[in-house]
Amino acid sequence: MKAVLSKYNITDWRFQRHQPRYLMATEDRAWLVVPASFPFLLGGKTQSVSAEWIFVLTKKSDGKWRVDLSAFGDTHHTLLP
């Protein structure tokens, strides 16, 4: 990731998770939607990406929850052309 950030001159970045928007669970499966944002500077200009981070979890036989699937879907961005 550092190589990509460096290549595109992305600085002052941070990743922010927000309050979960959706959570549903059964005894052994769970679905979670977490809004996230990624503000940064691109060549010195303020930019941002907002997304929905989606998780599907399964409770394993050892009782621990594991992520089976996650997806990060861009819902808004201010990227320059």
Protein backbone atom coordinates (compact mmCIF):
# COMPACT_ATOMS: atom_id res chain seq x y z
CA MET A 1 0.00 0.00 0.00
CA LYS A 2 2.84 2.37 0.79
CA ALA A 3 4.19 1.95 -2.74
CA VAL A 4 0.80 2.88 -4.27
CA LEU A 5 0.42 5.90 -1.98
CA SER A 6 3.92 7.03 -2.87
CA LYS A 7 3.48 6.44 -6.60
CA TYR A 8 0.39 8.68 -6.74
CA ASN A 9 1.81 11.28 -4.33
CA ILE A 10 -0.89 10.59 -1.70
CA THR A 11 -0.02 12.05 1.70
CA ASP A 12 -1.67 12.89 5.01
CA TRP A 13 -4.08 10.00 4.64
CA ARG A 14 -6.11 8.33 7.33
CA PHE A 15 -8.75 5.64 7.38
CA GLN A 16 -11.87 6.32 9.44
CA ARG A 17 -14.53 3.79 10.41
CA HIS A 18 -17.90 5.15 11.42
CA GLN A 19 -20.83 3.80 13.43
CA PRO A 20 -22.13 0.57 11.85
CA ARG A 21 -25.15 1.21 9.64
CA TYR A 22 -26.52 -2.33 9.61
CA LEU A 23 -26.03 -5.47 11.67
CA MET A 24 -27.97 -8.70 11.47
CA ALA A 25 -26.96 -11.97 13.07
CA THR A 26 -28.18 -15.51 13.52
CA GLU A 27 -26.55 -18.09 15.75
CA ASP A 28 -23.75 -18.76 13.26
CA ARG A 29 -23.82 -16.00 10.58
CA ALA A 30 -23.60 -12.22 10.72
CA TRP A 31 -23.85 -9.40 8.19
CA LEU A 32 -22.37 -6.00 8.93
CA VAL A 33 -22.22 -2.72 6.99
CA VAL A 34 -19.78 -0.10 8.26
CA PRO A 35 -19.48 3.33 6.62
CA ALA A 36 -15.86 4.38 6.15
CA SER A 37 -13.97 7.33 4.78
CA PHE A 38 -10.45 7.87 3.53
CA PRO A 39 -9.46 11.57 3.50
CA PHE A 40 -6.03 12.41 2.04
CA LEU A 41 -3.97 14.89 0.04
CA LEU A 42 -3.32 14.13 -3.63
CA GLY A 43 -0.49 16.27 -4.92
CA GLY A 44 -1.23 18.69 -2.08
CA LYS A 45 -4.97 18.95 -2.87
CA THR A 46 -7.61 17.73 -0.41
CA GLN A 47 -9.41 14.59 -1.59
CA SER A 48 -11.62 11.94 -0.03
CA VAL A 49 -13.27 8.60 -0.68
CA SER A 50 -16.34 7.38 1.21
CA ALA A 51 -17.46 3.79 1.11
CA GLU A 52 -19.59 1.08 2.64
CA TRP A 53 -17.42 -1.67 4.12
CA ILE A 54 -19.44 -4.87 4.07
CA PHE A 55 -18.64 -8.00 6.08
CA VAL A 56 -20.09 -11.50 6.17
CA LEU A 57 -18.98 -13.48 9.23
CA THR A 58 -19.36 -17.11 10.26
CA LYS A 59 -19.13 -18.50 13.78
CA LYS A 60 -16.71 -21.42 13.67
CA SER A 61 -16.79 -24.60 15.74
CA ASP A 62 -14.26 -23.08 18.18
CA GLY A 63 -16.83 -20.35 18.97
CA LYS A 64 -14.83 -17.57 17.28
CA TRP A 65 -16.28 -15.33 14.58
CA ARG A 66 -14.35 -15.23 11.30
CA VAL A 67 -14.75 -12.93 8.31
CA ASP A 68 -15.78 -15.00 5.28
CA LEU A 69 -16.15 -12.05 2.93
CA SER A 70 -15.53 -8.33 2.94
CA ALA A 71 -16.03 -5.72 0.25
CA PHE A 72 -15.23 -2.02 0.14
CA GLY A 73 -17.68 -0.22 -2.16
CA ASP A 74 -16.93 3.39 -3.16
CA THR A 75 -20.09 5.48 -2.62
CA HIS A 76 -18.60 8.96 -3.07
CA HIS A 77 -15.26 10.46 -3.95
CA THR A 78 -13.73 13.82 -4.77
CA LEU A 79 -10.89 12.48 -6.89
CA LEU A 80 -9.64 14.77 -9.58
CA PRO A 81 -9.88 13.51 -13.19
